[in-house]
PDB file of N, CA and C in Angstrom:
ATOM      1  N   MET A   1      73.251 135.427  94.550  1.00  0.00           N
ATOM      2  CA  MET A   1      72.433 135.154  93.388  1.00  0.00           C
ATOM      3  C   MET A   1      71.092 134.609  93.867  1.00  0.00           C
ATOM      4  N   ALA A   2      70.040 135.142  93.351  1.00  0.00           N
ATOM      5  CA  ALA A   2      68.713 134.696  93.738  1.00  0.00           C
ATOM      6  C   ALA A   2      68.433 133.340  93.109  1.00  0.00           C
ATOM      7  N   GLY A   3      67.940 132.420  93.915  1.00  0.00           N
ATOM      8  CA  GLY A   3      67.679 131.084  93.409  1.00  0.00           C
ATOM      9  C   GLY A   3      66.301 130.585  93.763  1.00  0.00           C
ATOM     10  N   GLY A   4      65.344 131.479  93.884  1.00  0.00           N
ATOM     11  CA  GLY A   4      64.002 131.047  94.246  1.00  0.00           C
ATOM     12  C   GLY A   4      63.981 130.588  95.690  1.00  0.00           C
ATOM     13  N   TRP A   5      63.543 129.363  95.928  1.00  0.00           N
ATOM     14  CA  TRP A   5      63.451 128.831  97.279  1.00  0.00           C
ATOM     15  C   TRP A   5      64.763 128.228  97.754  1.00  0.00           C
ATOM     16  N   ALA A   6      65.729 128.098  96.873  1.00  0.00           N
ATOM     17  CA  ALA A   6      67.010 127.509  97.253  1.00  0.00           C
ATOM     18  C   ALA A   6      67.794 128.469  98.133  1.00  0.00           C
ATOM     19  N   LYS A   7      68.542 127.910  99.070  1.00  0.00           N
ATOM     20  CA  LYS A   7      69.353 128.747  99.946  1.00  0.00           C
ATOM     21  C   LYS A   7      70.550 129.292  99.174  1.00  0.00           C
ATOM     22  N   ASP A   8      71.149 130.338  99.705  1.00  0.00           N
ATOM     23  CA  ASP A   8      72.318 130.924  99.063  1.00  0.00           C
ATOM     24  C   ASP A   8      73.442 129.898  98.997  1.00  0.00           C
ATOM     25  N   GLY A   9      74.088 129.830  97.869  1.00  0.00           N
ATOM     26  CA  GLY A   9      75.197 128.901  97.690  1.00  0.00           C
ATOM     27  C   GLY A   9      74.780 127.500  97.282  1.00  0.00           C
ATOM     28  N   ALA A  10      73.510 127.260  97.056  1.00  0.00           N
ATOM     29  CA  ALA A  10      73.049 125.914  96.706  1.00  0.00           C
ATOM     30  C   ALA A  10      73.624 125.453  95.376  1.00  0.00           C
ATOM     31  N   VAL A  11      73.736 126.366  94.425  1.00  0.00           N
ATOM     32  CA  VAL A  11      74.284 125.997  93.118  1.00  0.00           C
ATOM     33  C   VAL A  11      75.743 125.602  93.263  1.00  0.00           C
ATOM     34  N   SER A  12      76.502 126.379  94.032  1.00  0.00           N
ATOM     35  CA  SER A  12      77.915 126.060  94.253  1.00  0.00           C
ATOM     36  C   SER A  12      78.065 124.712  94.957  1.00  0.00           C
ATOM     37  N   GLU A  13      77.207 124.444  95.924  1.00  0.00           N
ATOM     38  CA  GLU A  13      77.262 123.162  96.623  1.00  0.00           C
ATOM     39  C   GLU A  13      76.986 122.002  95.670  1.00  0.00           C
ATOM     40  N   GLN A  14      76.045 122.178  94.754  1.00  0.00           N
ATOM     41  CA  GLN A  14      75.725 121.128  93.793  1.00  0.00           C
ATOM     42  C   GLN A  14      76.891 120.887  92.838  1.00  0.00           C
ATOM     43  N   ILE A  15      77.522 121.962  92.399  1.00  0.00           N
ATOM     44  CA  ILE A  15      78.677 121.825  91.509  1.00  0.00           C
ATOM     45  C   ILE A  15      79.801 121.097  92.226  1.00  0.00           C
ATOM     46  N   GLU A  16      80.091 121.497  93.459  1.00  0.00           N
ATOM     47  CA  GLU A  16      81.145 120.849  94.234  1.00  0.00           C
ATOM     48  C   GLU A  16      80.830 119.380  94.478  1.00  0.00           C
ATOM     49  N   ALA A  17      79.568 119.058  94.747  1.00  0.00           N
ATOM     50  CA  ALA A  17      79.171 117.666  94.955  1.00  0.00           C
ATOM     51  C   ALA A  17      79.358 116.851  93.673  1.00  0.00           C
ATOM     52  N   SER A  18      79.032 117.449  92.529  1.00  0.00           N
ATOM     53  CA  SER A  18      79.210 116.751  91.248  1.00  0.00           C
ATOM     54  C   SER A  18      80.682 116.483  90.982  1.00  0.00           C
ATOM     55  N   ILE A  19      81.521 117.464  91.266  1.00  0.00           N
ATOM     56  CA  ILE A  19      82.965 117.300  91.061  1.00  0.00           C
ATOM     57  C   ILE A  19      83.502 116.230  92.002  1.00  0.00           C
ATOM     58  N   ARG A  20      83.081 116.256  93.250  1.00  0.00           N
ATOM     59  CA  ARG A  20      83.526 115.274  94.237  1.00  0.00           C
ATOM     60  C   ARG A  20      83.109 113.857  93.812  1.00  0.00           C
ATOM     61  N   ASP A  21      81.872 113.708  93.345  1.00  0.00           N
ATOM     62  CA  ASP A  21      81.401 112.395  92.887  1.00  0.00           C
ATOM     63  C   ASP A  21      82.211 111.887  91.704  1.00  0.00           C
ATOM     64  N   GLU A  22      82.522 112.776  90.771  1.00  0.00           N
ATOM     65  CA  GLU A  22      83.288 112.381  89.591  1.00  0.00           C
ATOM     66  C   GLU A  22      84.708 111.984  89.982  1.00  0.00           C
ATOM     67  N   LEU A  23      85.320 112.728  90.897  1.00  0.00           N
ATOM     68  CA  LEU A  23      86.662 112.370  91.349  1.00  0.00           C
ATOM     69  C   LEU A  23      86.672 111.010  92.039  1.00  0.00           C
ATOM     70  N   GLU A  24      85.670 110.733  92.846  1.00  0.00           N
ATOM     71  CA  GLU A  24      85.578 109.432  93.501  1.00  0.00           C
ATOM     72  C   GLU A  24      85.404 108.316  92.472  1.00  0.00           C
ATOM     73  N   ARG A  25      84.607 108.571  91.442  1.00  0.00           N
ATOM     74  CA  ARG A  25      84.400 107.570  90.392  1.00  0.00           C
ATOM     75  C   ARG A  25      85.707 107.283  89.653  1.00  0.00           C
ATOM     76  N   LEU A  26      86.452 108.338  89.331  1.00  0.00           N
ATOM     77  CA  LEU A  26      87.717 108.164  88.621  1.00  0.00           C
ATOM     78  C   LEU A  26      88.746 107.451  89.486  1.00  0.00           C
ATOM     79  N   GLN A  27      88.803 107.782  90.758  1.00  0.00           N
ATOM     80  CA  GLN A  27      89.762 107.136  91.639  1.00  0.00           C
ATOM     81  C   GLN A  27      89.433 105.667  91.835  1.00  0.00           C
ATOM     82  N   SER A  28      88.162 105.319  91.803  1.00  0.00           N
ATOM     83  CA  SER A  28      87.792 103.915  91.962  1.00  0.00           C
ATOM     84  C   SER A  28      88.176 103.098  90.729  1.00  0.00           C
ATOM     85  N   ARG A  29      88.275 103.735  89.572  1.00  0.00           N
ATOM     86  CA  ARG A  29      88.649 103.047  88.328  1.00  0.00           C
ATOM     87  C   ARG A  29      90.121 103.238  88.012  1.00  0.00           C
ATOM     88  N   ARG A  30      90.884 103.754  88.945  1.00  0.00           N
ATOM     89  CA  ARG A  30      92.252 104.183  88.722  1.00  0.00           C
ATOM     90  C   ARG A  30      93.165 103.095  88.197  1.00  0.00           C
ATOM     91  N   GLY A  31      93.032 101.931  88.655  1.00  0.00           N
ATOM     92  CA  GLY A  31      93.912 100.882  88.159  1.00  0.00           C
ATOM     93  C   GLY A  31      93.862  99.664  89.041  1.00  0.00           C
ATOM     94  N   PRO A  32      94.794  98.776  88.806  1.00  0.00           N
ATOM     95  CA  PRO A  32      94.784  97.519  89.541  1.00  0.00           C
ATOM     96  C   PRO A  32      95.073  97.734  91.025  1.00  0.00           C
ATOM     97  N   VAL A  33      94.445  96.947  91.835  1.00  0.00           N
ATOM     98  CA  VAL A  33      94.703  96.943  93.272  1.00  0.00           C
ATOM     99  C   VAL A  33      94.781  95.498  93.717  1.00  0.00           C
ATOM    100  N   GLY A  34      95.315  95.275  94.881  1.00  0.00           N
ATOM    101  CA  GLY A  34      95.438  93.913  95.374  1.00  0.00           C
ATOM    102  C   GLY A  34      96.844  93.391  95.174  1.00  0.00           C
ATOM    103  N   GLU A  35      96.955  92.092  95.093  1.00  0.00           N
ATOM    104  CA  GLU A  35      98.261  91.470  94.970  1.00  0.00           C
ATOM    105  C   GLU A  35      98.682  91.383  93.504  1.00  0.00           C
ATOM    106  N   SER A  36      99.931  91.721  93.259  1.00  0.00           N
ATOM    107  CA  SER A  36     100.475  91.669  91.903  1.00  0.00           C
ATOM    108  C   SER A  36     100.789  90.230  91.515  1.00  0.00           C
ATOM    109  N   LEU A  37     100.708  89.972  90.224  1.00  0.00           N
ATOM    110  CA  LEU A  37     101.131  88.674  89.710  1.00  0.00           C
ATOM    111  C   LEU A  37     102.647  88.679  89.537  1.00  0.00           C
ATOM    112  N   THR A  38     103.257  87.521  89.632  1.00  0.00           N
ATOM    113  CA  THR A  38     104.699  87.435  89.402  1.00  0.00           C
ATOM    114  C   THR A  38     104.998  87.221  87.927  1.00  0.00           C
ATOM    115  N   GLU A  39     104.015  86.700  87.186  1.00  0.00           N
ATOM    116  CA  GLU A  39     104.166  86.493  85.746  1.00  0.00           C
ATOM    117  C   GLU A  39     103.050  87.219  85.011  1.00  0.00           C
ATOM    118  N   CYS A  40     103.336  87.718  83.832  1.00  0.00           N
ATOM    119  CA  CYS A  40     102.374  88.458  83.013  1.00  0.00           C
ATOM    120  C   CYS A  40     101.190  87.562  82.654  1.00  0.00           C
ATOM    121  N   ALA A  41      99.994  88.115  82.770  1.00  0.00           N
ATOM    122  CA  ALA A  41      98.781  87.357  82.464  1.00  0.00           C
ATOM    123  C   ALA A  41      98.644  87.079  80.969  1.00  0.00           C
ATOM    124  N   ASP A  42      99.279  87.890  80.120  1.00  0.00           N
ATOM    125  CA  ASP A  42      99.173  87.691  78.671  1.00  0.00           C
ATOM    126  C   ASP A  42     100.269  86.792  78.115  1.00  0.00           C
ATOM    127  N   CYS A  43     101.528  87.151  78.394  1.00  0.00           N
ATOM    128  CA  CYS A  43     102.633  86.430  77.746  1.00  0.00           C
ATOM    129  C   CYS A  43     103.357  85.445  78.661  1.00  0.00           C
ATOM    130  N   GLY A  44     103.169  85.539  79.954  1.00  0.00           N
ATOM    131  CA  GLY A  44     103.807  84.611  80.878  1.00  0.00           C
ATOM    132  C   GLY A  44     105.209  85.001  81.302  1.00  0.00           C
ATOM    133  N   GLU A  45     105.724  86.112  80.795  1.00  0.00           N
ATOM    134  CA  GLU A  45     107.061  86.575  81.203  1.00  0.00           C
ATOM    135  C   GLU A  45     107.012  87.060  82.642  1.00  0.00           C
ATOM    136  N   GLU A  46     108.159  87.000  83.320  1.00  0.00           N
ATOM    137  CA  GLU A  46     108.229  87.458  84.705  1.00  0.00           C
ATOM    138  C   GLU A  46     108.074  88.977  84.773  1.00  0.00           C
ATOM    139  N   ILE A  47     107.268  89.446  85.724  1.00  0.00           N
ATOM    140  CA  ILE A  47     107.102  90.877  85.960  1.00  0.00           C
ATOM    141  C   ILE A  47     108.158  91.281  86.986  1.00  0.00           C
ATOM    142  N   PRO A  48     109.006  92.265  86.666  1.00  0.00           N
ATOM    143  CA  PRO A  48     110.077  92.652  87.594  1.00  0.00           C
ATOM    144  C   PRO A  48     109.532  93.106  88.955  1.00  0.00           C
ATOM    145  N   GLN A  49     110.311  92.811  90.002  1.00  0.00           N
ATOM    146  CA  GLN A  49     109.920  93.160  91.367  1.00  0.00           C
ATOM    147  C   GLN A  49     109.669  94.664  91.503  1.00  0.00           C
ATOM    148  N   ALA A  50     110.482  95.484  90.848  1.00  0.00           N
ATOM    149  CA  ALA A  50     110.316  96.940  90.946  1.00  0.00           C
ATOM    150  C   ALA A  50     108.958  97.370  90.405  1.00  0.00           C
ATOM    151  N   ARG A  51     108.513  96.751  89.317  1.00  0.00           N
ATOM    152  CA  ARG A  51     107.194  97.086  88.748  1.00  0.00           C
ATOM    153  C   ARG A  51     106.081  96.635  89.693  1.00  0.00           C
ATOM    154  N   ARG A  52     106.237  95.462  90.285  1.00  0.00           N
ATOM    155  CA  ARG A  52     105.209  94.965  91.208  1.00  0.00           C
ATOM    156  C   ARG A  52     105.091  95.856  92.443  1.00  0.00           C
ATOM    157  N   GLU A  53     106.202  96.412  92.885  1.00  0.00           N
ATOM    158  CA  GLU A  53     106.167  97.312  94.040  1.00  0.00           C
ATOM    159  C   GLU A  53     105.620  98.679  93.662  1.00  0.00           C
ATOM    160  N   ALA A  54     105.935  99.135  92.462  1.00  0.00           N
ATOM    161  CA  ALA A  54     105.497 100.468  92.028  1.00  0.00           C
ATOM    162  C   ALA A  54     104.006 100.516  91.731  1.00  0.00           C
ATOM    163  N   ILE A  55     103.456  99.419  91.195  1.00  0.00           N
ATOM    164  CA  ILE A  55     102.042  99.380  90.815  1.00  0.00           C
ATOM    165  C   ILE A  55     101.391  98.189  91.506  1.00  0.00           C
ATOM    166  N   PRO A  56     100.824  98.405  92.697  1.00  0.00           N
ATOM    167  CA  PRO A  56     100.179  97.288  93.391  1.00  0.00           C
ATOM    168  C   PRO A  56      99.048  96.695  92.548  1.00  0.00           C
ATOM    169  N   GLY A  57      99.032  95.388  92.429  1.00  0.00           N
ATOM    170  CA  GLY A  57      97.982  94.712  91.680  1.00  0.00           C
ATOM    171  C   GLY A  57      98.251  94.590  90.194  1.00  0.00           C
ATOM    172  N   VAL A  58      99.487  94.840  89.781  1.00  0.00           N
ATOM    173  CA  VAL A  58      99.809  94.789  88.350  1.00  0.00           C
ATOM    174  C   VAL A  58      99.657  93.362  87.831  1.00  0.00           C
ATOM    175  N   LYS A  59      99.101  93.241  86.632  1.00  0.00           N
ATOM    176  CA  LYS A  59      98.854  91.917  86.041  1.00  0.00           C
ATOM    177  C   LYS A  59      99.620  91.705  84.738  1.00  0.00           C
ATOM    178  N   LEU A  60     100.139  92.799  84.138  1.00  0.00           N
ATOM    179  CA  LEU A  60     100.809  92.704  82.845  1.00  0.00           C
ATOM    180  C   LEU A  60     102.229  93.252  82.914  1.00  0.00           C
ATOM    181  N   CYS A  61     103.105  92.702  82.080  1.00  0.00           N
ATOM    182  CA  CYS A  61     104.453  93.256  81.957  1.00  0.00           C
ATOM    183  C   CYS A  61     104.374  94.573  81.184  1.00  0.00           C
ATOM    184  N   VAL A  62     105.481  95.286  81.125  1.00  0.00           N
ATOM    185  CA  VAL A  62     105.497  96.603  80.481  1.00  0.00           C
ATOM    186  C   VAL A  62     105.131  96.492  78.998  1.00  0.00           C
ATOM    187  N   GLU A  63     105.677  95.490  78.308  1.00  0.00           N
ATOM    188  CA  GLU A  63     105.420  95.345  76.877  1.00  0.00           C
ATOM    189  C   GLU A  63     103.943  95.076  76.585  1.00  0.00           C
ATOM    190  N   CYS A  64     103.348  94.150  77.332  1.00  0.00           N
ATOM    191  CA  CYS A  64     101.938  93.815  77.105  1.00  0.00           C
ATOM    192  C   CYS A  64     101.020  94.973  77.489  1.00  0.00           C
ATOM    193  N   ALA A  65     101.368  95.682  78.559  1.00  0.00           N
ATOM    194  CA  ALA A  65     100.569  96.838  78.962  1.00  0.00           C
ATOM    195  C   ALA A  65     100.640  97.931  77.897  1.00  0.00           C
ATOM    196  N   SER A  66     101.829  98.128  77.326  1.00  0.00           N
ATOM    197  CA  SER A  66     101.981  99.136  76.265  1.00  0.00           C
ATOM    198  C   SER A  66     101.182  98.762  75.024  1.00  0.00           C
ATOM    199  N   GLU A  67     101.221  97.483  74.645  1.00  0.00           N
ATOM    200  CA  GLU A  67     100.462  97.024  73.484  1.00  0.00           C
ATOM    201  C   GLU A  67      98.957  97.187  73.711  1.00  0.00           C
ATOM    202  N   ARG A  68      98.501  96.843  74.905  1.00  0.00           N
ATOM    203  CA  ARG A  68      97.077  96.965  75.220  1.00  0.00           C
ATOM    204  C   ARG A  68      96.636  98.436  75.182  1.00  0.00           C
ATOM    205  N   ASP A  69      97.463  99.317  75.714  1.00  0.00           N
ATOM    206  CA  ASP A  69      97.136 100.743  75.684  1.00  0.00           C
ATOM    207  C   ASP A  69      97.098 101.279  74.260  1.00  0.00           C
ATOM    208  N   ALA A  70      97.988 100.781  73.408  1.00  0.00           N
ATOM    209  CA  ALA A  70      98.033 101.244  72.017  1.00  0.00           C
ATOM    210  C   ALA A  70      96.817 100.766  71.232  1.00  0.00           C
ATOM    211  N   ARG A  71      96.256  99.602  71.601  1.00  0.00           N
ATOM    212  CA  ARG A  71      95.093  99.066  70.889  1.00  0.00           C
ATOM    213  C   ARG A  71      93.797  99.794  71.219  1.00  0.00           C
ATOM    214  N   ARG A  72      93.759 100.468  72.346  1.00  0.00           N
ATOM    215  CA  ARG A  72      92.526 101.160  72.728  1.00  0.00           C
ATOM    216  C   ARG A  72      92.201 102.239  71.709  1.00  0.00           C
ATOM    217  N   ALA A  73      90.986 102.174  71.217  1.00  0.00           N
ATOM    218  CA  ALA A  73      90.560 103.149  70.209  1.00  0.00           C
ATOM    219  C   ALA A  73      90.180 104.456  70.902  1.00  0.00           C
ATOM    220  N   PRO A  74      90.591 105.577  70.324  1.00  0.00           N
ATOM    221  CA  PRO A  74      90.183 106.852  70.909  1.00  0.00           C
ATOM    222  C   PRO A  74      88.676 107.036  70.770  1.00  0.00           C
ATOM    223  N   ARG A  75      88.096 107.611  71.792  1.00  0.00           N
ATOM    224  CA  ARG A  75      86.655 107.838  71.773  1.00  0.00           C
ATOM    225  C   ARG A  75      86.341 109.026  70.887  1.00  0.00           C
ATOM    226  N   GLY A  76      85.254 108.915  70.152  1.00  0.00           N
ATOM    227  CA  GLY A  76      84.823 110.016  69.310  1.00  0.00           C
ATOM    228  C   GLY A  76      84.208 111.121  70.139  1.00  0.00           C
ATOM    229  N   GLY A  77      84.518 112.331  69.789  1.00  0.00           N
ATOM    230  CA  GLY A  77      83.986 113.467  70.512  1.00  0.00           C
ATOM    231  C   GLY A  77      82.655 113.917  69.941  1.00  0.00           C
ATOM    232  N   ILE A  78      82.026 114.794  70.634  1.00  0.00           N
ATOM    233  CA  ILE A  78      80.758 115.351  70.188  1.00  0.00           C
ATOM    234  C   ILE A  78      81.001 116.778  69.755  1.00  0.00           C
ATOM    235  N   ASN A  79      80.547 117.105  68.564  1.00  0.00           N
ATOM    236  CA  ASN A  79      80.683 118.466  68.084  1.00  0.00           C
ATOM    237  C   ASN A  79      79.545 119.292  68.661  1.00  0.00           C
ATOM    238  N   ARG A  80      79.866 120.062  69.684  1.00  0.00           N
ATOM    239  CA  ARG A  80      78.837 120.843  70.351  1.00  0.00           C
ATOM    240  C   ARG A  80      78.625 122.211  69.695  1.00  0.00           C
ATOM    241  N   ARG A  81      79.447 122.555  68.744  1.00  0.00           N
ATOM    242  CA  ARG A  81      79.312 123.867  68.117  1.00  0.00           C
ATOM    243  C   ARG A  81      78.181 123.914  67.105  1.00  0.00           C
ATOM    244  N   GLY A  82      77.752 122.779  66.647  1.00  0.00           N
ATOM    245  CA  GLY A  82      76.642 122.741  65.718  1.00  0.00           C
ATOM    246  C   GLY A  82      76.962 123.372  64.363  1.00  0.00           C
ATOM    247  N   SER A  83      78.153 123.090  63.875  1.00  0.00           N
ATOM    248  CA  SER A  83      78.537 123.647  62.576  1.00  0.00           C
ATOM    249  C   SER A  83      77.704 123.030  61.460  1.00  0.00           C
ATOM    250  N   LYS A  84      77.695 123.702  60.332  1.00  0.00           N
ATOM    251  CA  LYS A  84      76.933 123.217  59.190  1.00  0.00           C
ATOM    252  C   LYS A  84      77.426 121.834  58.760  1.00  0.00           C
ATOM    253  N   ASP A  85      78.740 121.612  58.807  1.00  0.00           N
ATOM    254  CA  ASP A  85      79.291 120.330  58.400  1.00  0.00           C
ATOM    255  C   ASP A  85      78.775 119.199  59.266  1.00  0.00           C
ATOM    256  N   SER A  86      78.671 119.429  60.574  1.00  0.00           N
ATOM    257  CA  SER A  86      78.200 118.366  61.464  1.00  0.00           C
ATOM    258  C   SER A  86      76.710 118.076  61.237  1.00  0.00           C
ATOM    259  N   GLN A  87      75.974 119.033  60.768  1.00  0.00           N
ATOM    260  CA  GLN A  87      74.561 118.825  60.537  1.00  0.00           C
ATOM    261  C   GLN A  87      74.296 118.082  59.232  1.00  0.00           C
ATOM    262  N   LEU A  88      75.262 118.122  58.320  1.00  0.00           N
ATOM    263  CA  LEU A  88      75.098 117.456  57.028  1.00  0.00           C
ATOM    264  C   LEU A  88      75.403 115.963  57.103  1.00  0.00           C
ATOM    265  N   LYS A  89      76.087 115.523  58.137  1.00  0.00           N
ATOM    266  CA  LYS A  89      76.476 114.113  58.242  1.00  0.00           C
ATOM    267  C   LYS A  89      75.334 113.260  58.699  1.00  0.00           C
TER     268      LYS A  89
END
């Protein structure tokens, strides 16, 4: 594909670099790291040893983690189709 002054494959390299950067960003936000707590940070209940080994750096028990996940509001999407309804709002 002709790209002006760009070398062949430059577009593919840019796409791959963008994907690589995004994957690194997501992996860095993946979850808790470090030493796990023995007691839940929210309710104070003991966190089972199996959970602490399975998730390094865990700070919440299963119940509190489930409640926190349920409280997270879903993000609103963007209507990219540009329908008439979206333009009227």
